Amino acid sequence: MKEIKRDIYLDKLINRKENGLIKIITGIRRSGKSYLLDPLFKNHLIESGIKEDHIIKLELDKEENKKYHSAHELNEYIKSQIKDKKMHYILLDEIQLVDGFEFVLNGLLYEKNIDVYVTGSNSKFLSSDIITEFRGRGDEIRVFPLSFSEYIGAFNGNNQDAWSEYVLYGGLPLVLSKKTDEEKSQYLKNLFDQTYIKDIVERNNVQRIDILDSIINMLASSVGSLTNTKKIYDTFVSNGEKELSLNTINSYMKYIEDSFIINKSDRYDVKGKKYINTPQKYYFSDIGLRNARLNFRQQEENHLMENIIYNELLIRGFNVDVGVVEIREGNQRKQLEVDFVCNLGNKRYYIQSALNLDTREKTIQEERPLMNINDNFKKIIIVKSDMKHWITEEGILIIGIQEFLLNKNSLDL
């Protein structure tokens, strides 16, 4: 397997170096957080002139470091390694294994010559925990599974073969090391059952694992479709589940989201400039995990492509909502959907995902929501075709999925 480059995240760490905050690397398990810290970031420090004895690194999941699972022992060890008044870089992998790690990290913030970087890769170290424990003192770097451009850089084969594999098995880095379809699918299935589900159950003391499993399956089956907790609850009730509350469904949905398995996209009324509370759309952080959850049975390419586009937009730093455009048809009001409303700083893009525009009717259908938005932000339709991008008479950019994914400036073509 070729070397996997994670330059987008490495640059984020470099830009945050010595900013006085704890750099907290989060993301779904097996997405490459430890690899980002070491060797990538550690090598950068060495190459930039930092002496190795000023880089204090601990892999806390290793047996020989188990004694540092005590907050006191860890704190004493770090302090004993400080050589002088020059800057020291603390790299702590799997920090959630330390009982009371919050107190250790908060204490290190007051040291002027210490710069702290940590990773946490199970459900004891979630975004909600970070918000609670390190408000204003932590700087979170969210690591996603491999984007298609990262994946293709380490893939042995041509672009089309890479796309076929990526759509099916996703971008978890270890998938690239598996040689057969059986190995890849089994790895993803085992990871879901033995790691992700186990983490959620243990952290939250989940009593109804069967309900948790069913919710994940429903979300996997409805990628790209509008849903909400009430709809899921009603499905259980209609199937004869009597001893279940809506609060339980809400809690389980939150557990799944907090574990980084799924991401929620809210609906935004483009003309009214307001959010619509429900329903929402849910997308999987890795399409291979979604496919494995359904035993690779449901392969609707339009939904898979939409999920991949959504993940790419998150990787690029956008806030992504589902757009709603209300129009009048005669005496009736009708809502049209824009797949993605993407915001970053003063930039906004409206994006539709479509497998193809092979008929005039299909083109009109995809263009219609965009044409009913009365502002001058860029409007884009992403299609599966690998033809060169072009702009319609209405000013809408049409771009192929691979060109969109492989060119980081593709939205500004």
Protein backbone atom coordinates (compact mmCIF):
# COMPACT_ATOMS: atom_id res chain seq x y z
CA MET A 1 0.00 0.00 0.00
CA LYS A 2 1.27 3.46 -0.90
CA GLU A 3 1.78 6.13 1.73
CA ILE A 4 -1.45 7.88 2.68
CA LYS A 5 -1.15 11.66 2.76
CA ARG A 6 -3.39 13.62 5.18
CA ASP A 7 -2.14 17.09 4.29
CA ILE A 8 -5.43 18.85 5.04
CA TYR A 9 -5.26 17.77 8.69
CA LEU A 10 -1.49 18.10 9.01
CA ASP A 11 -1.78 21.72 7.85
CA LYS A 12 -4.46 22.34 10.49
CA LEU A 13 -2.15 21.05 13.23
CA ILE A 14 0.75 23.12 11.91
CA ASN A 15 -1.39 26.26 11.80
CA ARG A 16 -2.48 25.69 15.41
CA LYS A 17 1.00 25.03 16.75
CA GLU A 18 1.73 26.86 20.01
CA ASN A 19 -1.64 28.64 20.05
CA GLY A 20 -2.05 28.14 23.80
CA LEU A 21 -4.90 25.65 23.42
CA ILE A 22 -5.17 21.88 23.65
CA LYS A 23 -5.28 20.45 20.14
CA ILE A 24 -7.92 17.71 20.30
CA ILE A 25 -8.01 15.29 17.36
CA THR A 26 -11.39 13.61 17.11
CA GLY A 27 -13.28 11.46 14.65
CA ILE A 28 -14.67 8.02 14.09
CA ARG A 29 -12.44 5.15 15.18
CA ARG A 30 -9.95 3.87 12.61
CA SER A 31 -10.09 7.10 10.60
CA GLY A 32 -6.35 7.78 10.99
CA LYS A 33 -6.05 10.07 14.02
CA SER A 34 -3.06 8.26 15.55
CA TYR A 35 -1.29 8.18 12.18
CA LEU A 36 -1.80 11.93 11.88
CA LEU A 37 -0.12 12.52 15.23
CA ASP A 38 2.70 10.06 14.61
CA PRO A 39 4.38 9.79 12.17
CA LEU A 40 2.98 12.74 10.21
CA PHE A 41 2.99 15.57 12.77
CA LYS A 42 5.92 14.23 14.77
CA ASN A 43 8.04 14.05 11.60
CA HIS A 44 7.06 17.63 10.75
CA LEU A 45 8.28 18.80 14.16
CA ILE A 46 11.61 17.02 13.73
CA GLU A 47 12.06 18.33 10.19
CA SER A 48 11.36 21.88 11.42
CA GLY A 49 14.24 21.65 13.90
CA ILE A 50 12.57 20.42 17.10
CA LYS A 51 14.84 18.08 19.04
CA GLU A 52 13.37 14.64 19.69
CA ASP A 53 13.89 14.97 23.43
CA HIS A 54 11.49 17.93 23.35
CA ILE A 55 8.75 15.75 21.85
CA ILE A 56 7.07 13.76 24.61
CA LYS A 57 4.90 11.04 23.10
CA LEU A 58 2.87 8.32 24.77
CA GLU A 59 0.73 5.67 23.13
CA LEU A 60 -1.55 5.06 26.05
CA ASP A 61 -3.15 1.93 24.58
CA LYS A 62 0.14 0.01 24.79
CA GLU A 63 0.63 -2.42 27.66
CA GLU A 64 3.91 -0.88 28.75
CA ASN A 65 2.18 2.48 29.25
CA LYS A 66 -0.73 1.18 31.28
CA LYS A 67 0.63 2.70 34.48
CA TYR A 68 0.02 6.15 32.98
CA HIS A 69 -3.72 5.52 32.97
CA SER A 70 -3.54 7.17 36.38
CA ALA A 71 -3.85 10.93 36.03
CA HIS A 72 -1.27 11.43 38.78
CA GLU A 73 1.27 9.10 37.16
CA LEU A 74 0.77 10.69 33.75
CA ASN A 75 1.17 14.19 35.13
CA GLU A 76 4.33 13.25 37.03
CA TYR A 77 5.82 11.58 33.95
CA ILE A 78 5.20 14.59 31.70
CA LYS A 79 6.66 17.01 34.23
CA SER A 80 9.74 14.79 34.63
CA GLN A 81 10.41 14.98 30.88
CA ILE A 82 10.55 18.78 30.69
CA LYS A 83 14.24 19.49 30.00
CA ASP A 84 14.40 23.27 30.02
CA LYS A 85 12.40 26.41 29.30
CA LYS A 86 12.22 25.76 25.56
CA MET A 87 8.91 24.60 24.05
CA HIS A 88 8.04 20.94 24.59
CA TYR A 89 5.44 19.14 22.48
CA ILE A 90 3.19 16.63 24.27
CA LEU A 91 1.61 14.01 21.99
CA LEU A 92 -0.85 11.77 23.85
CA ASP A 93 -2.57 9.03 21.88
CA GLU A 94 -5.80 7.49 23.24
CA ILE A 95 -6.06 10.00 26.10
CA GLN A 96 -9.53 8.72 27.07
CA LEU A 97 -7.85 5.70 28.68
CA VAL A 98 -6.56 7.94 31.48
CA ASP A 99 -8.89 8.28 34.45
CA GLY A 100 -9.30 12.00 35.04
CA PHE A 101 -7.43 13.07 31.89
CA GLU A 102 -9.33 16.38 31.97
CA PHE A 103 -7.45 17.52 35.07
CA VAL A 104 -4.06 16.62 33.56
CA LEU A 105 -4.76 18.54 30.36
CA ASN A 106 -6.18 21.57 32.09
CA GLY A 107 -3.11 21.71 34.33
CA LEU A 108 -0.77 21.63 31.35
CA LEU A 109 -2.46 24.68 29.87
CA TYR A 110 -0.83 26.87 32.51
CA GLU A 111 2.70 25.83 31.49
CA LYS A 112 4.20 28.35 29.05
CA ASN A 113 6.63 25.90 27.46
CA ILE A 114 4.20 23.05 26.80
CA ASP A 115 2.15 22.55 23.63
CA VAL A 116 -0.41 19.73 23.92
CA TYR A 117 -1.89 17.44 21.25
CA VAL A 118 -4.21 14.55 22.07
CA THR A 119 -6.29 11.96 20.25
CA GLY A 120 -9.23 9.99 21.50
CA SER A 121 -10.87 7.27 19.48
CA ASN A 122 -13.66 5.71 21.40
CA SER A 123 -16.97 6.84 22.74
CA LYS A 124 -15.50 8.11 26.01
CA PHE A 125 -14.03 10.98 24.04
CA LEU A 126 -16.79 12.54 21.99
CA SER A 127 -17.49 16.00 20.69
CA SER A 128 -20.08 16.56 23.41
CA ASP A 129 -17.46 15.74 26.07
CA ILE A 130 -15.03 18.21 24.53
CA ILE A 131 -17.59 20.99 24.56
CA THR A 132 -18.27 20.35 28.25
CA GLU A 133 -14.73 19.86 29.53
CA PHE A 134 -12.67 22.23 27.41
CA ARG A 135 -14.93 25.12 26.55
CA GLY A 136 -12.71 27.92 25.28
CA ARG A 137 -9.53 25.98 26.00
CA GLY A 138 -9.62 23.24 23.39
CA ASP A 139 -9.12 23.42 19.63
CA GLU A 140 -10.84 20.51 17.93
CA ILE A 141 -9.56 19.04 14.66
CA ARG A 142 -12.11 16.63 13.23
CA VAL A 143 -10.55 13.83 11.17
CA PHE A 144 -12.73 12.09 8.61
CA PRO A 145 -12.15 8.82 6.76
CA LEU A 146 -10.17 9.24 3.55
CA SER A 147 -11.58 11.62 0.99
CA PHE A 148 -11.57 10.28 -2.56
CA SER A 149 -8.49 12.36 -3.42
CA GLU A 150 -6.63 10.92 -0.40
CA TYR A 151 -7.86 7.42 -1.25
CA ILE A 152 -6.81 7.58 -4.89
CA GLY A 153 -3.35 8.77 -3.88
CA ALA A 154 -2.76 5.47 -2.09
CA PHE A 155 -4.73 3.20 -4.46
CA ASN A 156 -2.99 0.84 -6.86
CA GLY A 157 -5.05 1.21 -10.01
CA ASN A 158 -6.79 3.69 -12.28
CA ASN A 159 -9.34 6.31 -11.26
CA GLN A 160 -12.38 4.32 -12.36
CA ASP A 161 -11.33 1.23 -10.42
CA ALA A 162 -10.64 3.44 -7.41
CA TRP A 163 -14.13 4.95 -7.65
CA SER A 164 -15.78 1.52 -7.87
CA GLU A 165 -13.93 0.39 -4.73
CA TYR A 166 -14.51 3.65 -2.86
CA VAL A 167 -18.26 3.67 -3.47
CA LEU A 168 -18.50 0.12 -2.15
CA TYR A 169 -15.93 -0.08 0.67
CA GLY A 170 -15.47 3.56 1.67
CA GLY A 171 -12.41 5.39 2.96
CA LEU A 172 -11.30 3.87 6.25
CA PRO A 173 -7.52 3.66 5.72
CA LEU A 174 -7.08 -0.02 6.64
CA VAL A 175 -9.48 -1.03 3.88
CA LEU A 176 -6.70 -0.20 1.40
CA SER A 177 -4.50 -2.89 2.96
CA LYS A 178 -7.11 -5.63 2.44
CA LYS A 179 -6.61 -7.60 -0.76
CA THR A 180 -9.92 -9.39 -1.36
CA ASP A 181 -13.58 -8.40 -1.31
CA GLU A 182 -14.14 -10.88 1.50
CA GLU A 183 -11.40 -9.32 3.65
CA LYS A 184 -12.71 -5.80 3.07
CA SER A 185 -16.34 -6.60 3.81
CA GLN A 186 -15.50 -8.69 6.87
CA TYR A 187 -13.25 -5.97 8.26
CA LEU A 188 -16.02 -3.38 7.99
CA LYS A 189 -18.69 -5.66 9.47
CA ASN A 190 -16.48 -6.64 12.40
CA LEU A 191 -15.50 -3.03 13.03
CA PHE A 192 -19.13 -2.01 13.26
CA ASP A 193 -20.20 -4.82 15.57
CA GLN A 194 -17.13 -5.25 17.75
CA THR A 195 -16.00 -1.63 18.04
CA TYR A 196 -18.64 1.00 17.29
CA ILE A 197 -21.71 -0.76 18.71
CA LYS A 198 -19.74 -2.02 21.70
CA ASP A 199 -18.51 1.51 22.49
CA ILE A 200 -22.00 3.02 22.35
CA VAL A 201 -23.48 0.28 24.54
CA GLU A 202 -20.75 0.46 27.18
CA ARG A 203 -20.60 4.25 27.38
CA ASN A 204 -24.34 4.83 27.58
CA ASN A 205 -25.43 1.64 29.32
CA VAL A 206 -27.76 0.83 26.45
CA GLN A 207 -30.36 -1.76 27.49
CA ARG A 208 -32.08 -2.35 24.16
CA ILE A 209 -29.26 -3.28 21.81
CA ASP A 210 -31.85 -4.67 19.39
CA ILE A 211 -33.46 -1.23 19.13
CA LEU A 212 -30.07 0.44 18.66
CA ASP A 213 -29.24 -2.01 15.87
CA SER A 214 -32.58 -1.43 14.18
CA ILE A 215 -32.20 2.36 14.27
CA ILE A 216 -28.77 2.13 12.64
CA ASN A 217 -30.21 -0.14 9.94
CA MET A 218 -33.06 2.30 9.30
CA LEU A 219 -30.64 5.20 8.97
CA ALA A 220 -28.44 3.16 6.62
CA SER A 221 -31.46 2.33 4.45
CA SER A 222 -32.65 5.94 4.31
CA VAL A 223 -29.44 7.81 3.48
CA GLY A 224 -30.42 10.94 1.58
CA SER A 225 -34.07 10.70 2.68
CA LEU A 226 -35.88 12.93 5.14
CA THR A 227 -36.58 11.36 8.50
CA ASN A 228 -36.92 12.16 12.21
CA THR A 229 -37.16 10.42 15.55
CA LYS A 230 -40.97 10.47 15.51
CA LYS A 231 -41.06 8.67 12.17
CA ILE A 232 -38.64 6.04 13.45
CA TYR A 233 -40.64 5.67 16.68
CA ASP A 234 -43.87 5.20 14.70
CA THR A 235 -42.20 2.46 12.67
CA PHE A 236 -41.37 0.53 15.83
CA VAL A 237 -44.91 0.98 17.18
CA SER A 238 -46.48 -0.18 13.92
CA ASN A 239 -44.30 -3.30 14.11
CA GLY A 240 -45.71 -4.15 17.51
CA GLU A 241 -43.05 -2.63 19.80
CA LYS A 242 -45.06 -1.56 22.86
CA GLU A 243 -42.44 -0.96 25.56
CA LEU A 244 -40.59 1.87 23.88
CA SER A 245 -40.70 5.62 24.39
CA LEU A 246 -39.94 8.49 22.03
CA ASN A 247 -37.31 9.67 24.53
CA THR A 248 -35.46 6.38 24.12
CA ILE A 249 -35.37 6.82 20.34
CA ASN A 250 -34.13 10.39 20.77
CA SER A 251 -31.38 9.23 23.14
CA TYR A 252 -30.23 6.39 20.89
CA MET A 253 -30.11 8.69 17.88
CA LYS A 254 -27.94 11.10 19.86
CA TYR A 255 -25.61 8.27 20.94
CA ILE A 256 -25.10 7.25 17.30
CA GLU A 257 -24.48 10.83 16.20
CA ASP A 258 -22.07 11.54 19.08
CA SER A 259 -20.01 8.49 18.13
CA PHE A 260 -19.31 10.10 14.71
CA ILE A 261 -20.99 7.22 12.83
CA ILE A 262 -23.57 9.57 11.33
CA ASN A 263 -23.89 13.29 10.71
CA LYS A 264 -27.17 15.19 10.74
CA SER A 265 -28.08 17.84 8.19
CA ASP A 266 -30.86 20.28 9.13
CA ARG A 267 -33.34 21.78 6.69
CA TYR A 268 -33.01 25.45 5.78
CA ASP A 269 -35.71 27.59 4.21
CA VAL A 270 -33.69 29.50 1.62
CA LYS A 271 -36.28 32.22 0.93
CA GLY A 272 -37.48 32.54 4.52
CA LYS A 273 -33.90 32.43 5.80
CA LYS A 274 -34.76 30.19 8.74
CA TYR A 275 -34.23 26.62 9.89
CA ILE A 276 -36.99 24.01 9.86
CA ASN A 277 -36.75 21.82 12.95
CA THR A 278 -37.85 18.55 11.40
CA PRO A 279 -37.41 16.33 9.45
CA GLN A 280 -33.67 16.10 8.79
CA LYS A 281 -31.33 14.02 6.70
CA TYR A 282 -28.66 11.71 8.09
CA TYR A 283 -25.48 10.69 6.30
CA PHE A 284 -22.85 8.11 7.26
CA SER A 285 -19.34 9.37 7.94
CA ASP A 286 -18.06 6.44 5.87
CA ILE A 287 -20.01 4.95 3.00
CA GLY A 288 -18.28 1.58 3.41
CA LEU A 289 -19.60 1.28 6.96
CA ARG A 290 -23.09 2.11 5.72
CA ASN A 291 -22.85 -0.58 3.05
CA ALA A 292 -21.45 -3.14 5.48
CA ARG A 293 -24.32 -2.45 7.86
CA LEU A 294 -26.73 -3.56 5.13
CA ASN A 295 -24.55 -6.52 4.10
CA PHE A 296 -23.79 -4.70 0.82
CA ARG A 297 -27.34 -5.34 -0.40
CA GLN A 298 -28.69 -1.83 -1.02
CA GLN A 299 -26.46 -0.14 -3.57
CA GLU A 300 -28.52 2.79 -4.84
CA GLU A 301 -25.77 4.75 -6.53
CA ASN A 302 -27.63 8.06 -6.37
CA HIS A 303 -27.83 7.91 -2.56
CA LEU A 304 -24.23 6.72 -2.21
CA MET A 305 -23.00 9.56 -4.42
CA GLU A 306 -25.03 12.09 -2.41
CA ASN A 307 -23.50 10.79 0.84
CA ILE A 308 -19.98 11.04 -0.61
CA ILE A 309 -20.59 14.61 -1.78
CA TYR A 310 -21.89 15.53 1.68
CA ASN A 311 -18.78 14.10 3.38
CA GLU A 312 -16.49 15.92 0.97
CA LEU A 313 -18.17 19.21 1.77
CA LEU A 314 -17.65 18.62 5.50
CA ILE A 315 -13.99 17.77 4.87
CA ARG A 316 -13.61 21.08 3.05
CA GLY A 317 -14.93 22.86 6.12
CA PHE A 318 -18.44 23.80 5.00
CA ASN A 319 -21.52 23.98 7.17
CA VAL A 320 -23.99 21.92 5.16
CA ASP A 321 -27.80 22.10 5.30
CA VAL A 322 -30.61 20.65 3.24
CA GLY A 323 -32.26 23.48 1.30
CA VAL A 324 -36.00 24.11 0.97
CA VAL A 325 -37.34 26.52 -1.68
CA GLU A 326 -41.02 27.36 -1.53
CA ILE A 327 -42.82 28.26 -4.78
CA ARG A 328 -46.38 28.93 -5.87
CA GLU A 329 -48.16 26.74 -8.39
CA GLY A 330 -51.56 28.28 -9.05
CA ASN A 331 -53.22 28.64 -5.67
CA GLN A 332 -50.95 26.13 -3.96
CA ARG A 333 -47.59 26.37 -2.27
CA LYS A 334 -45.00 23.72 -3.08
CA GLN A 335 -41.62 22.96 -1.53
CA LEU A 336 -38.67 22.12 -3.75
CA GLU A 337 -35.51 20.60 -2.30
CA VAL A 338 -31.92 21.70 -2.80
CA ASP A 339 -29.66 18.83 -1.78
CA PHE A 340 -27.05 21.01 -0.10
CA VAL A 341 -26.78 24.62 1.02
CA CYS A 342 -23.08 25.08 1.85
CA ASN A 343 -21.68 27.97 3.85
CA LEU A 344 -18.08 28.86 4.67
CA GLY A 345 -17.30 32.40 5.77
CA ASN A 346 -18.83 34.73 3.20
CA LYS A 347 -19.13 31.98 0.60
CA ARG A 348 -22.30 30.06 -0.19
CA TYR A 349 -23.03 27.38 -2.77
CA TYR A 350 -26.26 25.62 -3.72
CA ILE A 351 -25.58 22.07 -4.87
CA GLN A 352 -27.69 19.34 -6.46
CA SER A 353 -26.53 15.72 -6.75
CA ALA A 354 -27.76 13.86 -9.85
CA LEU A 355 -26.56 10.62 -11.41
CA ASN A 356 -27.14 12.03 -14.87
CA LEU A 357 -28.87 14.71 -16.91
CA ASP A 358 -29.62 12.44 -19.85
CA THR A 359 -32.98 13.97 -20.75
CA ARG A 360 -34.29 17.51 -20.93
CA GLU A 361 -36.96 16.60 -18.38
CA LYS A 362 -34.33 15.40 -15.90
CA THR A 363 -32.28 18.56 -16.43
CA ILE A 364 -35.32 20.78 -15.80
CA GLN A 365 -36.15 18.79 -12.65
CA GLU A 366 -32.68 19.31 -11.18
CA GLU A 367 -32.42 22.95 -12.27
CA ARG A 368 -35.85 23.98 -11.02
CA PRO A 369 -35.06 24.45 -7.30
CA LEU A 370 -31.88 26.33 -8.16
CA MET A 371 -33.64 28.62 -10.63
CA ASN A 372 -36.14 29.61 -7.95
CA ILE A 373 -33.44 30.96 -5.61
CA ASN A 374 -33.31 34.71 -5.97
CA ASP A 375 -29.75 35.47 -5.00
CA ASN A 376 -26.41 35.51 -6.78
CA PHE A 377 -24.59 32.71 -4.95
CA LYS A 378 -23.19 29.97 -7.15
CA LYS A 379 -25.45 27.11 -8.21
CA ILE A 380 -23.99 23.70 -9.07
CA ILE A 381 -25.18 20.28 -10.24
CA ILE A 382 -22.78 17.36 -9.65
CA VAL A 383 -23.30 14.38 -11.97
CA LYS A 384 -21.68 10.97 -12.28
CA SER A 385 -20.44 11.70 -15.82
CA ASP A 386 -16.69 12.21 -16.28
CA MET A 387 -17.19 14.76 -19.04
CA LYS A 388 -15.47 18.13 -18.64
CA HIS A 389 -17.38 20.67 -16.57
CA TRP A 390 -19.56 23.22 -18.33
CA ILE A 391 -21.91 26.10 -17.51
CA THR A 392 -25.52 26.23 -18.68
CA GLU A 393 -27.21 29.25 -20.22
CA GLU A 394 -28.76 29.86 -16.80
CA GLY A 395 -25.29 30.09 -15.24
CA ILE A 396 -25.40 26.72 -13.43
CA LEU A 397 -22.11 24.81 -13.22
CA ILE A 398 -22.38 21.14 -14.26
CA ILE A 399 -19.44 19.09 -13.01
CA GLY A 400 -18.61 15.38 -12.87
CA ILE A 401 -18.27 13.70 -9.49
CA GLN A 402 -14.60 12.79 -9.90
CA GLU A 403 -13.60 16.27 -11.04
CA PHE A 404 -15.48 17.70 -8.06
CA LEU A 405 -13.76 15.34 -5.62
CA LEU A 406 -10.25 15.53 -7.05
CA ASN A 407 -10.02 19.31 -7.54
CA LYS A 408 -10.12 21.13 -4.21
CA ASN A 409 -11.09 24.32 -6.07
CA SER A 410 -13.82 22.66 -8.11
CA LEU A 411 -16.68 24.74 -6.67
CA ASP A 412 -15.06 27.90 -8.04
CA LEU A 413 -14.59 26.71 -11.61
